Protein backbone atom coordinates (compact mmCIF):
# COMPACT_ATOMS: atom_id res chain seq x y z
CA MET A 1 -3.10 27.36 -3.06
CA LYS A 2 -4.48 23.33 -2.75
CA ARG A 3 -3.88 21.48 -0.02
CA ILE A 4 -3.18 17.35 0.25
CA LEU A 5 -4.17 15.56 3.55
CA TYR A 6 -1.91 12.55 3.88
CA LEU A 7 -2.53 9.89 6.34
CA THR A 8 -0.13 7.36 8.07
CA PHE A 9 -0.34 5.53 11.27
CA TYR A 10 3.57 5.44 11.28
CA PHE A 11 5.86 8.51 10.46
CA GLU A 12 9.45 9.51 12.14
CA PRO A 13 10.68 8.96 14.47
CA ASP A 14 9.18 5.89 14.69
CA LEU A 15 10.92 2.79 13.96
CA CYS A 16 8.92 0.41 11.05
CA ALA A 17 8.17 -0.29 7.62
CA GLY A 18 5.70 2.49 7.48
CA SER A 19 7.34 4.98 9.24
CA PHE A 20 10.60 4.25 6.90
CA ARG A 21 8.43 4.53 3.70
CA ASN A 22 6.11 7.00 4.08
CA THR A 23 8.60 9.78 5.93
CA PRO A 24 10.83 10.14 3.18
CA LEU A 25 7.91 9.95 0.57
CA ILE A 26 5.72 12.89 2.33
CA LYS A 27 9.06 15.15 2.00
CA GLU A 28 9.25 14.12 -1.52
CA LEU A 29 5.95 14.64 -2.33
CA ALA A 30 6.55 18.08 -0.34
CA THR A 31 9.03 19.22 -2.54
CA GLN A 32 7.62 18.68 -5.65
CA SER A 33 3.90 20.18 -5.02
CA LYS A 34 6.13 23.57 -3.96
CA GLY A 35 3.74 26.21 -5.66
CA LYS A 36 1.03 23.93 -6.25
CA ALA A 37 -0.15 22.32 -2.71
CA LEU A 38 0.92 22.43 1.10
CA VAL A 39 0.86 19.11 2.15
CA ASP A 40 -1.03 18.24 5.93
CA VAL A 41 0.09 15.17 7.42
CA VAL A 42 -1.98 13.51 10.27
CA THR A 43 -0.04 10.47 11.99
CA THR A 44 0.60 9.46 15.89
CA LEU A 45 3.28 9.95 18.49
CA PRO A 46 5.60 7.46 18.17
CA ASN A 47 4.11 3.92 19.51
CA ARG A 48 5.08 1.04 17.32
CA TYR A 49 7.00 -0.46 20.01
CA SER A 50 5.85 -0.62 23.82
CA SER A 51 10.22 -0.77 24.49
CA PHE A 52 11.15 1.93 22.72
CA ASP A 53 10.53 5.51 23.65
CA VAL A 54 10.81 8.61 21.84
CA ASN A 55 9.48 12.09 21.74
CA ALA A 56 8.11 13.84 19.09
CA PRO A 57 6.34 17.11 18.69
CA GLN A 58 2.61 16.95 18.64
CA TYR A 59 2.69 19.56 15.82
CA GLN A 60 5.52 20.63 13.87
CA GLU A 61 6.23 22.25 10.29
CA GLY A 62 8.40 20.89 7.64
CA ASP A 63 9.62 22.61 4.03
CA ASN A 64 6.11 22.81 2.62
CA TYR A 65 4.17 20.37 5.17
CA SER A 66 3.18 20.46 8.67
CA VAL A 67 2.83 17.29 10.88
CA TYR A 68 -0.01 16.78 13.33
CA ARG A 69 0.63 13.48 15.66
CA ILE A 70 -2.20 12.23 17.40
CA ALA A 71 -1.52 10.69 21.24
CA ILE A 72 -2.74 7.00 21.17
CA PRO A 73 -3.04 4.51 24.05
CA LYS A 74 0.20 2.53 24.80
CA HIS A 75 -0.17 -0.81 23.86
CA GLN A 76 1.60 -4.50 23.61
CA SER A 77 0.62 -4.81 19.59
CA GLY A 78 -1.74 -7.33 20.53
CA MET A 79 -5.41 -7.39 18.44
CA LYS A 80 -7.21 -5.81 21.21
CA ASP A 81 -4.60 -3.14 21.95
CA GLN A 82 -4.34 -2.11 18.10
CA VAL A 83 -8.04 -1.80 17.54
CA MET A 84 -8.63 0.53 20.52
CA SER A 85 -5.31 2.64 19.36
CA PHE A 86 -6.61 2.80 15.81
CA LYS A 87 -10.22 3.89 17.09
CA GLU A 88 -8.34 6.71 18.58
CA TYR A 89 -6.20 7.77 15.51
CA TYR A 90 -9.42 7.31 13.44
CA GLN A 91 -11.78 8.96 15.85
CA LYS A 92 -9.70 12.25 16.52
CA THR A 93 -8.23 12.62 12.75
CA LEU A 94 -11.74 12.94 11.63
CA LYS A 95 -12.52 15.79 14.14
CA TYR A 96 -9.16 17.05 12.75
CA VAL A 97 -9.87 17.73 9.64
CA SER A 98 -13.58 18.33 9.45
CA THR A 99 -13.38 22.10 9.68
CA LYS A 100 -10.41 21.80 6.69
CA ASP A 101 -10.59 21.86 3.05
CA TYR A 102 -8.63 19.66 1.13
CA ASP A 103 -8.34 18.66 -2.94
CA LEU A 104 -6.90 15.29 -2.51
CA VAL A 105 -6.55 12.57 0.00
CA ILE A 106 -3.60 9.69 0.37
CA ALA A 107 -3.62 7.38 2.87
CA SER A 108 -0.94 4.77 3.13
CA SER A 109 -2.11 1.51 5.06
CA SER A 110 -1.24 -1.85 5.70
CA ARG A 111 -4.32 -2.73 8.10
CA LEU A 112 -6.94 -1.22 6.42
CA PHE A 113 -8.41 0.78 8.34
CA THR A 114 -5.92 3.97 7.45
CA ALA A 115 -7.37 3.61 3.79
CA HIS A 116 -11.03 3.18 4.92
CA LEU A 117 -10.71 6.62 7.02
CA GLY A 118 -9.08 8.17 4.21
CA TYR A 119 -12.12 6.98 2.05
CA LYS A 120 -14.56 8.31 4.64
CA ILE A 121 -12.87 11.85 4.40
CA ALA A 122 -12.51 11.58 0.71
CA LYS A 123 -16.07 10.56 0.02
CA LYS A 124 -17.60 13.23 2.42
CA LYS A 125 -15.47 16.18 0.96
CA ASN A 126 -15.78 14.98 -2.87
CA ILE A 127 -12.47 14.85 -3.56
CA PRO A 128 -9.92 11.68 -5.19
CA LEU A 129 -8.70 8.96 -3.11
CA TYR A 130 -5.22 7.83 -3.44
CA LEU A 131 -4.42 4.55 -1.80
CA ASP A 132 -0.93 3.12 -0.73
CA ILE A 133 -1.48 -0.73 0.09
CA ARG A 134 1.05 -1.96 2.04
CA ASP A 135 -0.77 -5.53 2.89
CA ILE A 136 -4.26 -7.22 2.35
CA PHE A 137 -6.02 -7.25 6.28
CA TYR A 138 -8.72 -9.60 4.94
CA ASP A 139 -6.11 -12.35 3.63
CA THR A 140 -4.16 -11.73 7.21
CA LEU A 141 -7.16 -12.14 9.32
CA GLN A 142 -8.26 -15.33 7.73
CA ASP A 143 -5.19 -16.86 8.81
CA VAL A 144 -4.99 -15.28 11.99
CA LEU A 145 -8.16 -15.43 13.46
CA ARG A 146 -8.67 -18.83 15.39
CA ASN A 147 -11.78 -18.16 16.96
CA GLY A 148 -14.65 -19.28 14.53
CA ILE A 149 -17.42 -16.93 16.34
CA ILE A 150 -15.08 -13.89 16.19
CA LYS A 151 -13.95 -14.60 12.30
CA SER A 152 -17.39 -15.55 10.77
CA SER A 153 -18.73 -12.05 12.50
CA ALA A 154 -15.66 -10.19 11.68
CA LEU A 155 -14.69 -11.25 7.79
CA PRO A 156 -17.66 -9.88 6.48
CA VAL A 157 -17.49 -6.81 8.21
CA ILE A 158 -14.03 -6.41 6.77
CA LYS A 159 -14.85 -7.10 3.65
CA TYR A 160 -17.68 -5.10 3.12
CA ILE A 161 -15.37 -2.10 4.43
CA GLU A 162 -12.43 -3.50 2.02
CA MET A 163 -15.34 -3.20 -1.30
CA LYS A 164 -16.38 0.39 0.21
CA THR A 165 -13.07 1.86 0.19
CA PHE A 166 -11.33 0.25 -2.66
CA SER A 167 -14.29 0.55 -4.96
CA PHE A 168 -13.97 4.44 -4.18
CA ALA A 169 -10.42 4.92 -5.11
CA SER A 170 -8.92 6.77 -8.19
CA HIS A 171 -5.61 5.44 -7.53
CA ILE A 172 -4.08 2.52 -5.81
CA ASN A 173 -0.36 1.88 -5.22
CA LEU A 174 0.31 -2.15 -4.38
CA ILE A 175 3.20 -2.40 -2.77
CA SER A 176 3.81 -5.82 -3.84
CA LYS A 177 2.61 -7.50 -7.47
CA GLY A 178 1.68 -10.38 -5.73
CA PHE A 179 -1.38 -8.19 -4.87
CA LYS A 180 -2.30 -7.86 -8.56
CA SER A 181 -4.55 -10.63 -9.03
CA TYR A 182 -6.57 -9.95 -5.64
CA PHE A 183 -7.46 -5.90 -7.11
CA GLU A 184 -8.75 -7.66 -10.26
CA LYS A 185 -12.40 -6.65 -9.23
CA TYR A 186 -11.78 -3.18 -8.26
CA THR A 187 -11.62 -1.78 -11.98
CA ASP A 188 -12.97 1.96 -11.62
CA CYS A 189 -9.46 3.20 -10.77
CA THR A 190 -5.90 3.67 -12.15
CA TYR A 191 -2.84 1.10 -10.70
CA SER A 192 0.76 1.48 -9.75
CA TYR A 193 3.10 -0.59 -8.44
CA PHE A 194 5.51 1.23 -6.26
CA PRO A 195 7.71 -1.03 -3.91
CA ASN A 196 9.57 -0.79 -0.89
CA GLY A 197 12.82 0.92 -1.52
CA ILE A 198 16.61 1.44 -0.15
CA ASP A 199 17.44 4.44 1.93
CA ASP A 200 20.48 6.51 1.42
CA VAL A 201 21.29 5.94 4.88
CA PHE A 202 21.97 2.11 4.36
CA ILE A 203 23.58 2.27 1.22
CA GLU A 204 25.86 5.02 2.71
CA ALA A 205 26.66 2.56 5.69
CA ASN A 206 27.95 -0.01 3.02
CA SER A 207 29.78 2.42 0.42
CA GLY A 208 32.99 0.77 1.49
CA GLY A 209 32.05 -2.78 0.46
CA ASN A 210 32.66 -4.15 4.00
CA LEU A 211 33.50 -7.49 2.39
CA ILE A 212 34.46 -10.54 4.58
CA THR A 213 35.63 -14.01 3.22
CA THR A 214 35.61 -15.96 6.36
CA PRO A 215 32.74 -15.75 9.46
CA LYS A 216 34.02 -15.71 12.81
CA GLU A 217 33.80 -18.92 14.83
CA VAL A 218 30.49 -18.65 15.89
CA LYS A 219 28.77 -17.08 13.44
CA SER A 220 25.65 -14.65 14.12
CA ILE A 221 22.67 -14.69 12.30
CA VAL A 222 20.78 -11.69 13.19
CA TYR A 223 17.08 -10.61 12.82
CA ALA A 224 15.70 -6.89 13.31
CA GLY A 225 12.00 -5.74 13.26
CA ASN A 226 8.37 -6.79 14.35
CA LEU A 227 8.05 -9.74 16.91
CA GLY A 228 4.72 -10.18 15.84
CA GLU A 229 2.90 -13.30 14.20
CA GLY A 230 3.15 -12.44 10.49
CA GLN A 231 6.88 -12.88 11.36
CA GLY A 232 6.47 -16.59 12.96
CA LEU A 233 9.81 -16.47 14.84
CA HIS A 234 8.67 -18.27 17.43
CA LYS A 235 8.01 -21.23 14.95
CA ILE A 236 11.51 -20.98 13.66
CA VAL A 237 14.38 -19.57 15.53
CA PRO A 238 14.21 -21.74 19.22
CA GLU A 239 14.17 -25.26 17.03
CA ALA A 240 16.95 -24.23 14.51
CA ALA A 241 19.01 -22.87 17.11
CA ARG A 242 18.77 -25.91 18.68
CA LYS A 243 19.80 -28.35 15.65
CA LEU A 244 22.89 -25.45 14.40
CA GLY A 245 24.34 -25.89 17.86
CA ASN A 246 26.70 -23.61 19.07
CA ALA A 247 28.11 -23.13 15.81
CA TYR A 248 25.76 -20.36 15.40
CA LYS A 249 23.86 -17.54 17.51
CA PHE A 250 20.91 -16.00 16.60
CA ILE A 251 20.66 -11.92 17.52
CA ILE A 252 16.94 -11.08 17.60
CA ILE A 253 16.79 -7.45 18.14
CA GLY A 254 12.95 -5.82 18.36
CA ASP A 255 9.91 -5.98 19.90
CA GLY A 256 6.11 -7.04 19.19
CA GLY A 257 2.79 -9.22 20.07
CA ALA A 258 4.35 -12.86 19.54
CA LYS A 259 7.60 -12.05 21.68
CA SER A 260 6.47 -14.10 24.37
CA LYS A 261 5.40 -16.88 22.23
CA LEU A 262 9.37 -16.85 21.61
CA VAL A 263 11.00 -16.62 24.86
CA ALA A 264 8.26 -19.57 26.18
CA GLU A 265 9.44 -21.68 23.03
CA LEU A 266 12.92 -20.80 23.84
CA GLU A 267 12.26 -21.66 27.54
CA ARG A 268 11.01 -24.89 26.79
CA LEU A 269 13.69 -26.16 24.50
CA ASP A 270 16.26 -24.51 27.22
CA VAL A 271 18.02 -22.90 24.31
CA LYS A 272 21.25 -21.08 25.21
CA ASN A 273 22.12 -19.37 21.44
CA VAL A 274 19.20 -16.88 20.72
CA GLU A 275 20.17 -13.35 22.52
CA LEU A 276 17.10 -11.18 22.13
CA ARG A 277 17.88 -7.25 22.30
CA ASP A 278 15.06 -4.41 22.67
CA PRO A 279 14.34 -2.38 19.48
CA VAL A 280 17.34 -0.02 18.47
CA LYS A 281 17.89 3.44 16.43
CA ARG A 282 18.67 3.17 12.58
CA LEU A 283 22.45 3.82 13.31
CA ASP A 284 22.81 0.73 15.78
CA LEU A 285 20.62 -1.21 13.77
CA ILE A 286 23.01 -0.78 10.65
CA GLU A 287 26.04 -1.80 13.20
CA ALA A 288 24.28 -4.80 14.24
CA TYR A 289 24.20 -5.70 10.92
CA LYS A 290 27.73 -4.87 9.67
CA ASN A 291 28.56 -7.07 12.61
CA ALA A 292 26.76 -10.35 11.54
CA ASP A 293 27.59 -13.11 9.68
CA PHE A 294 24.17 -13.67 8.24
CA LEU A 295 21.03 -11.77 7.70
CA PHE A 296 17.76 -12.92 8.16
CA VAL A 297 14.23 -12.30 7.30
CA HIS A 298 10.93 -15.02 7.75
CA LEU A 299 7.22 -14.74 7.28
CA ASN A 300 5.04 -17.09 8.83
CA ASN A 301 3.52 -19.85 6.38
CA TYR A 302 0.28 -17.94 6.29
CA LYS A 303 -1.19 -18.58 3.10
CA ALA A 304 -1.93 -14.60 2.98
CA PHE A 305 1.65 -14.38 2.95
CA GLU A 306 2.20 -16.01 -0.12
CA LYS A 307 1.52 -12.42 -1.71
CA VAL A 308 3.44 -10.11 0.30
CA LEU A 309 6.88 -8.56 -0.19
CA PRO A 310 8.83 -7.71 3.14
CA SER A 311 10.44 -4.29 3.51
CA LYS A 312 12.97 -5.37 5.00
CA LEU A 313 14.71 -7.53 2.12
CA PHE A 314 15.67 -3.97 0.73
CA GLU A 315 17.34 -2.66 3.83
CA LEU A 316 19.40 -6.23 4.39
CA ALA A 317 20.48 -6.33 0.56
CA THR A 318 22.53 -3.31 0.92
CA PHE A 319 25.06 -5.39 3.07
CA PRO A 320 27.10 -7.90 1.35
CA LYS A 321 26.17 -10.53 3.85
CA PRO A 322 24.48 -13.85 2.75
CA ILE A 323 20.39 -13.16 3.26
CA ILE A 324 18.95 -16.23 5.25
CA ALA A 325 15.07 -15.68 3.96
CA GLY A 326 12.28 -18.40 5.40
CA VAL A 327 9.69 -16.72 2.76
CA GLY A 328 7.37 -18.32 -0.01
CA GLY A 329 4.90 -17.38 -2.71
CA TYR A 330 5.76 -14.11 -4.31
CA ALA A 331 8.80 -12.94 -2.12
CA ASN A 332 10.34 -16.53 -2.68
CA SER A 333 9.98 -15.55 -6.42
CA PHE A 334 11.43 -11.94 -6.12
CA VAL A 335 14.37 -13.23 -4.24
CA LYS A 336 15.30 -15.89 -6.69
CA ASP A 337 14.64 -13.57 -9.34
CA ASN A 338 16.24 -10.72 -8.11
CA LEU A 339 18.73 -11.09 -5.31
CA THR A 340 22.04 -12.97 -5.09
CA ASN A 341 23.71 -14.97 -2.18
CA THR A 342 20.68 -16.27 -0.33
CA ILE A 343 19.71 -18.97 1.64
CA LEU A 344 16.02 -19.79 0.66
CA PHE A 345 14.03 -21.95 2.50
CA GLU A 346 10.58 -22.68 3.13
CA PRO A 347 8.98 -20.76 6.26
CA CYS A 348 8.26 -22.73 9.12
CA ASP A 349 10.33 -25.93 8.30
CA VAL A 350 13.05 -25.98 10.49
CA ASP A 351 14.31 -29.25 9.02
CA ASP A 352 14.66 -27.04 5.54
CA PHE A 353 16.32 -24.42 6.85
CA VAL A 354 18.93 -26.57 8.54
CA ASP A 355 19.87 -28.56 5.58
CA LYS A 356 20.16 -25.04 3.70
CA MET A 357 22.55 -23.91 6.04
CA ASN A 358 24.87 -26.81 6.52
CA CYS A 359 25.16 -26.76 2.63
CA TYR A 360 26.08 -23.30 2.29
CA ASN A 361 29.20 -22.07 1.52
CA TYR A 362 30.35 -18.95 3.12
CA GLN A 363 30.94 -16.09 0.84
CA SER A 364 30.63 -11.77 0.86
CA ILE A 365 28.88 -10.18 -2.46
CA TYR A 366 28.03 -6.61 -2.82
CA ARG A 367 24.36 -6.29 -4.61
CA GLU A 368 25.17 -3.41 -6.60
CA GLU A 369 22.66 -3.99 -9.43
CA PHE A 370 19.81 -4.37 -7.05
CA ILE A 371 20.66 -1.32 -4.84
CA GLN A 372 20.54 0.96 -7.74
CA LYS A 373 17.49 -0.70 -9.06
CA TYR A 374 15.53 0.08 -5.64
CA LYS A 375 17.33 3.19 -4.30
CA ARG A 376 14.43 4.80 -2.40
CA ASP A 377 14.72 8.12 -3.42
CA GLN A 378 13.68 7.43 -7.29
CA VAL A 379 10.91 5.23 -6.19
CA ASN A 380 9.57 8.21 -4.09
CA LYS A 381 10.25 10.52 -7.14
CA ASP A 382 8.06 8.64 -9.48
CA MET A 383 5.32 7.75 -6.71
CA ALA A 384 4.87 11.24 -5.54
CA GLU A 385 4.56 12.31 -9.19
CA SER A 386 1.86 10.02 -9.72
CA MET A 387 0.25 11.56 -6.80
CA LEU A 388 0.04 14.53 -8.27
CA ASN A 389 -1.36 13.61 -11.25
CA LEU A 390 -4.71 13.10 -9.05
CA LEU A 391 -4.49 17.01 -8.45
């Protein structure tokens, strides 16, 4: 019986895109590999948000897969915290797999280092490496790093690690087709472009349509997810809320490294129509979405984010509510080409956002075609099959 090592920093019951992507994918992979291979998952104990506490067993047996969760230090999603947390995961994973035999390594990675960990293990054991790339870390650091000395010393190291990792891979899946041009120089592997999909829990929650024609007197705009530098909510929400006035209320659900910036800006502008809530479980999140008049997604105006495709768009699209999207580049084109009933504006452009809101005529539309096209179970079936092709 062959063995597959699957590396993902996030797995259920953690609340984040990495967990939501990898948890059902691993289960589909385990199903397809029955009788051919066993799947070993090495991940972390829940840690995505310091304000969301949930227990999970360190070791767990599933149907044809096992999960080993590594304890990492508590963190607030800052850069230093994340480095220390990943270092713990990296070192303990290497120790855990050192005496085990595998035939394939799969690594799902947004910040490069899970991919690099997969490379280290696959190279040492001389086995194929399948990478699922959810972000381009080098691009992100170019925009996020402000200290010139740190930037000039860190970026060449990141580029070297990236080159070694991607050059070794047998297959690379890119979650966004916007990444394609960046990866053209790595020609010794095959590629696929399986995006994020829509989970059944969202589809089932909206099976009745939940159509509304008239919004509430005070219209609610709901955002749920990470409050990090990448989302840049501190650059858009406080000023937009102030300009839109008391006819609108923002409800921000989540936590992250830039939450303090958002709080500080709300206090500076004395904004009263923004409510901040801690992260919630998915069923509670669905209720929050159902009660909203508008659903909101935003990316900071960094050049790196012109290539990405936010996973949030897929879950929001299942609700027959207008989606407000402050995204640029590939994500902007994707929304225009695939989603109806949207309010698109330039990232971090408060005036563009407010103008578009003031011109919008409210409507409620069920996006049946989009939902059928991007069901997560179909994406996972095809992606798991592409993984098993390397065995």
